[in-house]
N, C-alpha and C. Protein backbone atom coordinates (compact mmCIF):
# COMPACT_ATOMS: atom_id res chain seq x y z
N MET A 1 -26.79 38.06 5.52
CA MET A 1 -26.74 36.72 4.99
C MET A 1 -25.53 36.61 4.07
N SER A 2 -24.78 35.54 4.23
CA SER A 2 -23.60 35.36 3.39
C SER A 2 -23.96 34.64 2.10
N GLU A 3 -23.11 34.87 1.10
CA GLU A 3 -23.35 34.22 -0.19
C GLU A 3 -22.95 32.77 -0.11
N PRO A 4 -23.70 31.90 -0.78
CA PRO A 4 -23.31 30.49 -0.78
C PRO A 4 -21.98 30.30 -1.52
N ALA A 5 -21.22 29.34 -1.07
CA ALA A 5 -19.93 29.05 -1.71
C ALA A 5 -20.18 28.45 -3.09
N ALA A 6 -19.28 28.74 -3.99
CA ALA A 6 -19.36 28.16 -5.33
C ALA A 6 -19.19 26.65 -5.22
N PRO A 7 -19.86 25.89 -6.09
CA PRO A 7 -19.71 24.44 -6.03
C PRO A 7 -18.24 24.04 -6.09
N GLY A 8 -17.86 23.18 -5.16
CA GLY A 8 -16.48 22.69 -5.12
C GLY A 8 -15.49 23.65 -4.50
N ALA A 9 -15.93 24.86 -4.11
CA ALA A 9 -14.99 25.85 -3.59
C ALA A 9 -14.35 25.40 -2.29
N SER A 10 -15.10 24.70 -1.43
CA SER A 10 -14.54 24.28 -0.15
C SER A 10 -13.94 22.88 -0.22
N GLU A 11 -14.10 22.20 -1.32
CA GLU A 11 -13.57 20.85 -1.46
C GLU A 11 -12.16 20.90 -2.04
N ARG A 12 -11.31 20.03 -1.49
CA ARG A 12 -9.97 19.91 -2.04
C ARG A 12 -9.99 18.86 -3.14
N LYS A 13 -9.23 19.11 -4.19
CA LYS A 13 -9.11 18.10 -5.23
C LYS A 13 -8.45 16.87 -4.65
N ARG A 14 -8.91 15.69 -5.10
CA ARG A 14 -8.34 14.44 -4.61
C ARG A 14 -7.75 13.66 -5.76
N VAL A 15 -6.71 12.93 -5.46
CA VAL A 15 -6.13 11.97 -6.39
C VAL A 15 -6.18 10.61 -5.72
N TRP A 16 -6.09 9.57 -6.54
CA TRP A 16 -6.32 8.21 -6.03
C TRP A 16 -5.09 7.33 -6.11
N SER A 17 -3.95 7.93 -6.44
CA SER A 17 -2.69 7.18 -6.47
C SER A 17 -1.55 8.13 -6.10
N THR A 18 -0.40 7.55 -5.83
CA THR A 18 0.76 8.34 -5.43
C THR A 18 1.97 7.93 -6.25
N PRO A 19 2.98 8.79 -6.33
CA PRO A 19 4.21 8.40 -7.01
C PRO A 19 4.94 7.31 -6.19
N PRO A 20 5.82 6.56 -6.84
CA PRO A 20 6.57 5.54 -6.11
C PRO A 20 7.68 6.13 -5.25
N ASN A 21 8.08 5.33 -4.27
CA ASN A 21 9.25 5.60 -3.42
C ASN A 21 9.11 6.82 -2.51
N VAL A 22 7.87 7.16 -2.12
CA VAL A 22 7.67 8.23 -1.15
C VAL A 22 7.80 7.61 0.24
N PRO A 23 8.76 8.08 1.06
CA PRO A 23 8.89 7.54 2.42
C PRO A 23 7.70 7.99 3.27
N LEU A 24 7.09 7.03 3.98
CA LEU A 24 5.92 7.35 4.81
C LEU A 24 6.29 7.39 6.29
N CYS A 25 6.86 6.31 6.81
CA CYS A 25 7.27 6.27 8.21
C CYS A 25 8.11 5.02 8.44
N PRO A 26 8.87 4.99 9.54
CA PRO A 26 9.57 3.75 9.87
C PRO A 26 8.55 2.65 10.17
N GLU A 27 8.86 1.43 9.79
CA GLU A 27 7.96 0.31 10.07
C GLU A 27 7.67 0.21 11.56
N THR A 28 8.66 0.51 12.39
CA THR A 28 8.49 0.42 13.84
C THR A 28 7.55 1.48 14.41
N ALA A 29 7.17 2.48 13.60
CA ALA A 29 6.22 3.50 14.06
C ALA A 29 4.79 2.97 14.10
N LEU A 30 4.57 1.79 13.51
CA LEU A 30 3.25 1.16 13.53
C LEU A 30 3.27 -0.02 14.47
N SER A 31 2.30 -0.09 15.37
CA SER A 31 2.14 -1.28 16.21
C SER A 31 1.80 -2.46 15.33
N ASP A 32 1.88 -3.65 15.88
CA ASP A 32 1.49 -4.86 15.15
C ASP A 32 0.54 -5.65 16.03
N PRO A 33 -0.76 -5.56 15.81
CA PRO A 33 -1.44 -4.86 14.71
C PRO A 33 -1.56 -3.36 14.98
N GLY A 34 -1.62 -2.61 13.89
CA GLY A 34 -1.77 -1.17 13.99
C GLY A 34 -2.06 -0.56 12.63
N ALA A 35 -2.45 0.70 12.63
CA ALA A 35 -2.77 1.40 11.38
C ALA A 35 -2.50 2.88 11.56
N ARG A 36 -2.23 3.53 10.44
CA ARG A 36 -1.96 4.97 10.48
C ARG A 36 -2.40 5.60 9.16
N SER A 37 -2.99 6.79 9.27
CA SER A 37 -3.43 7.50 8.07
C SER A 37 -2.32 8.39 7.54
N PHE A 38 -2.40 8.64 6.23
CA PHE A 38 -1.45 9.53 5.56
C PHE A 38 -2.22 10.39 4.56
N VAL A 39 -1.90 11.67 4.55
CA VAL A 39 -2.44 12.59 3.55
C VAL A 39 -1.23 13.19 2.85
N LEU A 40 -1.16 12.96 1.54
CA LEU A 40 -0.04 13.45 0.76
C LEU A 40 -0.53 14.50 -0.23
N GLN A 41 0.16 15.62 -0.28
CA GLN A 41 -0.17 16.62 -1.29
C GLN A 41 0.60 16.30 -2.56
N ILE A 42 -0.13 16.19 -3.65
CA ILE A 42 0.47 15.89 -4.96
C ILE A 42 0.01 16.99 -5.89
N GLY A 43 0.92 17.93 -6.14
CA GLY A 43 0.54 19.11 -6.93
C GLY A 43 -0.50 19.90 -6.15
N GLU A 44 -1.62 20.17 -6.78
CA GLU A 44 -2.71 20.92 -6.15
C GLU A 44 -3.74 20.01 -5.48
N ALA A 45 -3.53 18.70 -5.57
CA ALA A 45 -4.52 17.75 -5.07
C ALA A 45 -3.94 16.98 -3.87
N PHE A 46 -4.82 16.20 -3.23
CA PHE A 46 -4.44 15.46 -2.04
C PHE A 46 -4.84 14.00 -2.17
N PHE A 47 -3.96 13.13 -1.67
CA PHE A 47 -4.22 11.70 -1.59
C PHE A 47 -4.45 11.35 -0.12
N HIS A 48 -5.51 10.59 0.16
CA HIS A 48 -5.82 10.14 1.52
C HIS A 48 -5.72 8.61 1.53
N GLY A 49 -4.82 8.10 2.35
CA GLY A 49 -4.65 6.65 2.44
C GLY A 49 -4.29 6.25 3.86
N PHE A 50 -4.20 4.93 4.07
CA PHE A 50 -3.76 4.44 5.37
C PHE A 50 -2.99 3.15 5.17
N VAL A 51 -2.12 2.88 6.13
CA VAL A 51 -1.29 1.68 6.12
C VAL A 51 -1.64 0.86 7.36
N VAL A 52 -1.74 -0.46 7.16
CA VAL A 52 -2.02 -1.40 8.23
C VAL A 52 -0.80 -2.30 8.39
N ARG A 53 -0.46 -2.60 9.64
CA ARG A 53 0.59 -3.58 9.91
C ARG A 53 -0.04 -4.70 10.74
N LYS A 54 0.14 -5.93 10.25
CA LYS A 54 -0.42 -7.09 10.96
C LYS A 54 0.45 -8.30 10.65
N ASP A 55 0.76 -9.07 11.67
CA ASP A 55 1.57 -10.28 11.53
C ASP A 55 2.89 -10.01 10.80
N GLY A 56 3.49 -8.85 11.07
CA GLY A 56 4.77 -8.51 10.47
C GLY A 56 4.71 -8.06 9.03
N ARG A 57 3.52 -7.94 8.48
CA ARG A 57 3.36 -7.50 7.08
C ARG A 57 2.64 -6.16 7.06
N VAL A 58 2.80 -5.40 5.96
CA VAL A 58 2.10 -4.13 5.81
C VAL A 58 1.26 -4.16 4.53
N ALA A 59 0.17 -3.41 4.57
CA ALA A 59 -0.69 -3.23 3.40
C ALA A 59 -1.21 -1.81 3.43
N GLY A 60 -1.40 -1.22 2.27
CA GLY A 60 -1.90 0.14 2.18
C GLY A 60 -3.20 0.18 1.39
N TYR A 61 -4.06 1.14 1.75
CA TYR A 61 -5.36 1.29 1.10
C TYR A 61 -5.71 2.76 0.93
N VAL A 62 -6.45 3.05 -0.12
CA VAL A 62 -7.05 4.37 -0.27
C VAL A 62 -8.09 4.49 0.84
N ASP A 63 -8.12 5.62 1.51
CA ASP A 63 -9.03 5.81 2.65
C ASP A 63 -10.43 6.17 2.14
N ARG A 64 -11.11 5.15 1.64
CA ARG A 64 -12.44 5.35 1.06
C ARG A 64 -13.19 4.03 1.10
N CYS A 65 -14.30 4.00 1.84
CA CYS A 65 -15.10 2.78 1.95
C CYS A 65 -15.83 2.52 0.63
N PRO A 66 -15.82 1.28 0.14
CA PRO A 66 -16.52 0.98 -1.11
C PRO A 66 -18.04 1.10 -1.00
N HIS A 67 -18.58 1.16 0.21
CA HIS A 67 -20.03 1.26 0.40
C HIS A 67 -20.57 2.64 0.05
N GLN A 68 -20.05 3.68 0.69
CA GLN A 68 -20.56 5.04 0.46
C GLN A 68 -19.47 6.03 0.05
N GLY A 69 -18.22 5.61 0.02
CA GLY A 69 -17.14 6.49 -0.39
C GLY A 69 -16.60 7.38 0.72
N PHE A 70 -17.04 7.17 1.96
CA PHE A 70 -16.55 7.97 3.08
C PHE A 70 -15.18 7.45 3.53
N PRO A 71 -14.37 8.30 4.19
CA PRO A 71 -13.18 7.79 4.86
C PRO A 71 -13.62 6.77 5.92
N LEU A 72 -12.79 5.79 6.22
CA LEU A 72 -13.19 4.72 7.13
C LEU A 72 -13.17 5.11 8.60
N ALA A 73 -12.16 5.83 9.03
CA ALA A 73 -11.98 6.12 10.45
C ALA A 73 -12.80 7.34 10.88
N LEU A 74 -13.45 7.20 12.02
CA LEU A 74 -14.15 8.34 12.61
C LEU A 74 -13.19 9.18 13.45
N GLU A 75 -12.11 8.56 13.93
CA GLU A 75 -11.07 9.23 14.70
C GLU A 75 -9.73 8.97 14.02
N LEU A 76 -8.83 9.90 14.11
CA LEU A 76 -7.52 9.78 13.47
C LEU A 76 -6.86 8.45 13.82
N ASP A 77 -6.48 7.71 12.80
CA ASP A 77 -5.74 6.45 12.90
C ASP A 77 -6.52 5.30 13.54
N ARG A 78 -7.83 5.43 13.74
CA ARG A 78 -8.63 4.36 14.35
C ARG A 78 -9.29 3.53 13.26
N TYR A 79 -8.50 2.71 12.57
CA TYR A 79 -8.99 1.90 11.47
C TYR A 79 -9.33 0.47 11.87
N LEU A 80 -8.76 0.01 12.97
CA LEU A 80 -8.92 -1.40 13.34
C LEU A 80 -9.97 -1.59 14.42
N THR A 81 -10.55 -2.79 14.43
CA THR A 81 -11.45 -3.17 15.52
C THR A 81 -10.64 -3.17 16.81
N PRO A 82 -11.30 -3.10 17.98
CA PRO A 82 -10.56 -3.03 19.24
C PRO A 82 -9.54 -4.17 19.43
N ASP A 83 -9.83 -5.36 18.91
CA ASP A 83 -8.88 -6.46 19.06
C ASP A 83 -7.81 -6.48 17.97
N GLY A 84 -7.89 -5.54 17.01
CA GLY A 84 -6.89 -5.43 15.96
C GLY A 84 -7.00 -6.46 14.85
N SER A 85 -8.07 -7.23 14.85
CA SER A 85 -8.17 -8.31 13.88
C SER A 85 -8.71 -7.89 12.52
N LEU A 86 -9.47 -6.80 12.45
CA LEU A 86 -10.11 -6.37 11.21
C LEU A 86 -10.05 -4.85 11.06
N ILE A 87 -10.15 -4.38 9.82
CA ILE A 87 -10.36 -2.96 9.54
C ILE A 87 -11.85 -2.71 9.67
N LEU A 88 -12.23 -1.61 10.30
CA LEU A 88 -13.64 -1.29 10.53
C LEU A 88 -13.99 0.05 9.93
N CYS A 89 -15.06 0.10 9.12
CA CYS A 89 -15.60 1.38 8.68
C CYS A 89 -16.48 1.90 9.81
N GLY A 90 -16.07 3.00 10.41
CA GLY A 90 -16.79 3.56 11.54
C GLY A 90 -18.16 4.11 11.20
N TRP A 91 -18.45 4.33 9.93
CA TRP A 91 -19.73 4.91 9.53
C TRP A 91 -20.86 3.89 9.50
N HIS A 92 -20.62 2.75 8.85
CA HIS A 92 -21.70 1.79 8.66
C HIS A 92 -21.36 0.37 9.09
N GLY A 93 -20.19 0.18 9.71
CA GLY A 93 -19.86 -1.10 10.30
C GLY A 93 -19.30 -2.16 9.37
N ALA A 94 -18.95 -1.81 8.15
CA ALA A 94 -18.32 -2.80 7.28
C ALA A 94 -16.97 -3.20 7.87
N VAL A 95 -16.60 -4.48 7.72
CA VAL A 95 -15.32 -4.96 8.21
C VAL A 95 -14.54 -5.59 7.07
N PHE A 96 -13.22 -5.42 7.13
CA PHE A 96 -12.33 -5.82 6.04
C PHE A 96 -11.13 -6.58 6.59
N GLU A 97 -10.65 -7.55 5.82
CA GLU A 97 -9.42 -8.25 6.16
C GLU A 97 -8.25 -7.28 6.02
N PRO A 98 -7.39 -7.15 7.05
CA PRO A 98 -6.32 -6.16 7.02
C PRO A 98 -5.29 -6.32 5.91
N LEU A 99 -4.98 -7.54 5.52
CA LEU A 99 -3.90 -7.72 4.54
C LEU A 99 -4.39 -7.92 3.12
N THR A 100 -5.71 -8.09 2.93
CA THR A 100 -6.25 -8.26 1.57
C THR A 100 -7.23 -7.16 1.20
N GLY A 101 -7.83 -6.48 2.19
CA GLY A 101 -8.82 -5.46 1.93
C GLY A 101 -10.20 -6.01 1.59
N GLU A 102 -10.37 -7.34 1.66
CA GLU A 102 -11.66 -7.95 1.32
C GLU A 102 -12.68 -7.65 2.41
N CYS A 103 -13.88 -7.20 2.00
CA CYS A 103 -14.97 -6.94 2.95
C CYS A 103 -15.62 -8.27 3.31
N THR A 104 -15.61 -8.58 4.60
CA THR A 104 -16.15 -9.86 5.06
C THR A 104 -17.46 -9.71 5.80
N GLY A 105 -17.95 -8.48 5.97
CA GLY A 105 -19.22 -8.27 6.65
C GLY A 105 -19.66 -6.82 6.56
N GLY A 106 -20.97 -6.63 6.63
CA GLY A 106 -21.51 -5.29 6.56
C GLY A 106 -22.08 -4.98 5.19
N PRO A 107 -22.39 -3.72 4.94
CA PRO A 107 -23.13 -3.35 3.73
C PRO A 107 -22.39 -3.54 2.41
N CYS A 108 -21.09 -3.77 2.45
CA CYS A 108 -20.37 -3.98 1.18
C CYS A 108 -19.71 -5.35 1.14
N ALA A 109 -20.31 -6.34 1.83
CA ALA A 109 -19.75 -7.70 1.87
C ALA A 109 -19.49 -8.18 0.45
N GLY A 110 -18.32 -8.74 0.25
CA GLY A 110 -17.90 -9.18 -1.08
C GLY A 110 -17.14 -8.11 -1.83
N GLY A 111 -17.19 -6.88 -1.35
CA GLY A 111 -16.44 -5.79 -1.97
C GLY A 111 -15.00 -5.79 -1.47
N ARG A 112 -14.29 -4.76 -1.80
CA ARG A 112 -12.87 -4.72 -1.46
C ARG A 112 -12.41 -3.26 -1.36
N LEU A 113 -11.49 -3.00 -0.44
CA LEU A 113 -10.84 -1.70 -0.38
C LEU A 113 -9.92 -1.54 -1.58
N THR A 114 -9.71 -0.30 -1.99
CA THR A 114 -8.80 -0.03 -3.10
C THR A 114 -7.37 -0.07 -2.57
N PRO A 115 -6.53 -0.96 -3.13
CA PRO A 115 -5.16 -1.06 -2.64
C PRO A 115 -4.36 0.21 -2.94
N TRP A 116 -3.44 0.51 -2.03
CA TRP A 116 -2.44 1.56 -2.21
C TRP A 116 -1.10 0.85 -2.05
N PRO A 117 -0.37 0.66 -3.12
CA PRO A 117 0.86 -0.13 -3.05
C PRO A 117 1.92 0.51 -2.15
N VAL A 118 2.27 -0.23 -1.10
CA VAL A 118 3.33 0.17 -0.18
C VAL A 118 4.20 -1.05 0.12
N ALA A 119 5.41 -0.81 0.57
CA ALA A 119 6.32 -1.90 0.93
C ALA A 119 7.32 -1.38 1.96
N VAL A 120 7.94 -2.31 2.65
CA VAL A 120 9.00 -1.97 3.60
C VAL A 120 10.34 -2.18 2.92
N ALA A 121 11.17 -1.16 2.97
CA ALA A 121 12.53 -1.25 2.44
C ALA A 121 13.47 -0.59 3.44
N ASP A 122 14.45 -1.34 3.92
CA ASP A 122 15.42 -0.83 4.91
C ASP A 122 14.71 -0.25 6.12
N GLY A 123 13.64 -0.90 6.58
CA GLY A 123 12.94 -0.48 7.78
C GLY A 123 11.98 0.68 7.60
N MET A 124 11.86 1.19 6.38
CA MET A 124 10.99 2.34 6.10
C MET A 124 9.82 1.88 5.22
N ILE A 125 8.60 2.30 5.58
CA ILE A 125 7.44 2.04 4.73
C ILE A 125 7.42 3.12 3.66
N ARG A 126 7.36 2.67 2.40
CA ARG A 126 7.38 3.57 1.26
C ARG A 126 6.29 3.18 0.26
N THR A 127 5.90 4.15 -0.55
CA THR A 127 4.99 3.85 -1.65
C THR A 127 5.74 3.06 -2.71
N VAL A 128 5.00 2.27 -3.47
CA VAL A 128 5.59 1.46 -4.54
C VAL A 128 5.09 2.00 -5.87
C-alpha cells in the first residue's frame, strides 16, 4: 500500500493574473469565432486562461467557471458552443456571452467570467 500524498502535493500553485505585454499568439491563429486556452508559468505558479475571438474582437478570461470553479472546457480549446455564438461550460451547461463574459443561462445565470485583460497590437494578441 502506498502512502497518501501530502495535502496539496499533487496540486500546482495557481495565480489569477498575468504580467502585461506577454505575447500569446497571432490574432490570425484564432478563428472568428474561435477560442484557445493558454497556460502561463509565472514563477512557481501557473495561470490558466483562454482567449475568444468573435466579430473581429478578442476577449480573455480566467479559465474558471463561477458556478463550481472548474475549468470550462472538457476538451482542449473547446470553449464555444457548436455554432460559435456562446462560451459553454462543459461541466454543468452554463453559457456566457463571448465578449462580455456575462452568464446568460445555466446554474450561474447573472454571474460573470473573470476577465483576463488582453488586446491585439500589431497583429499579436498580448496580455494587458
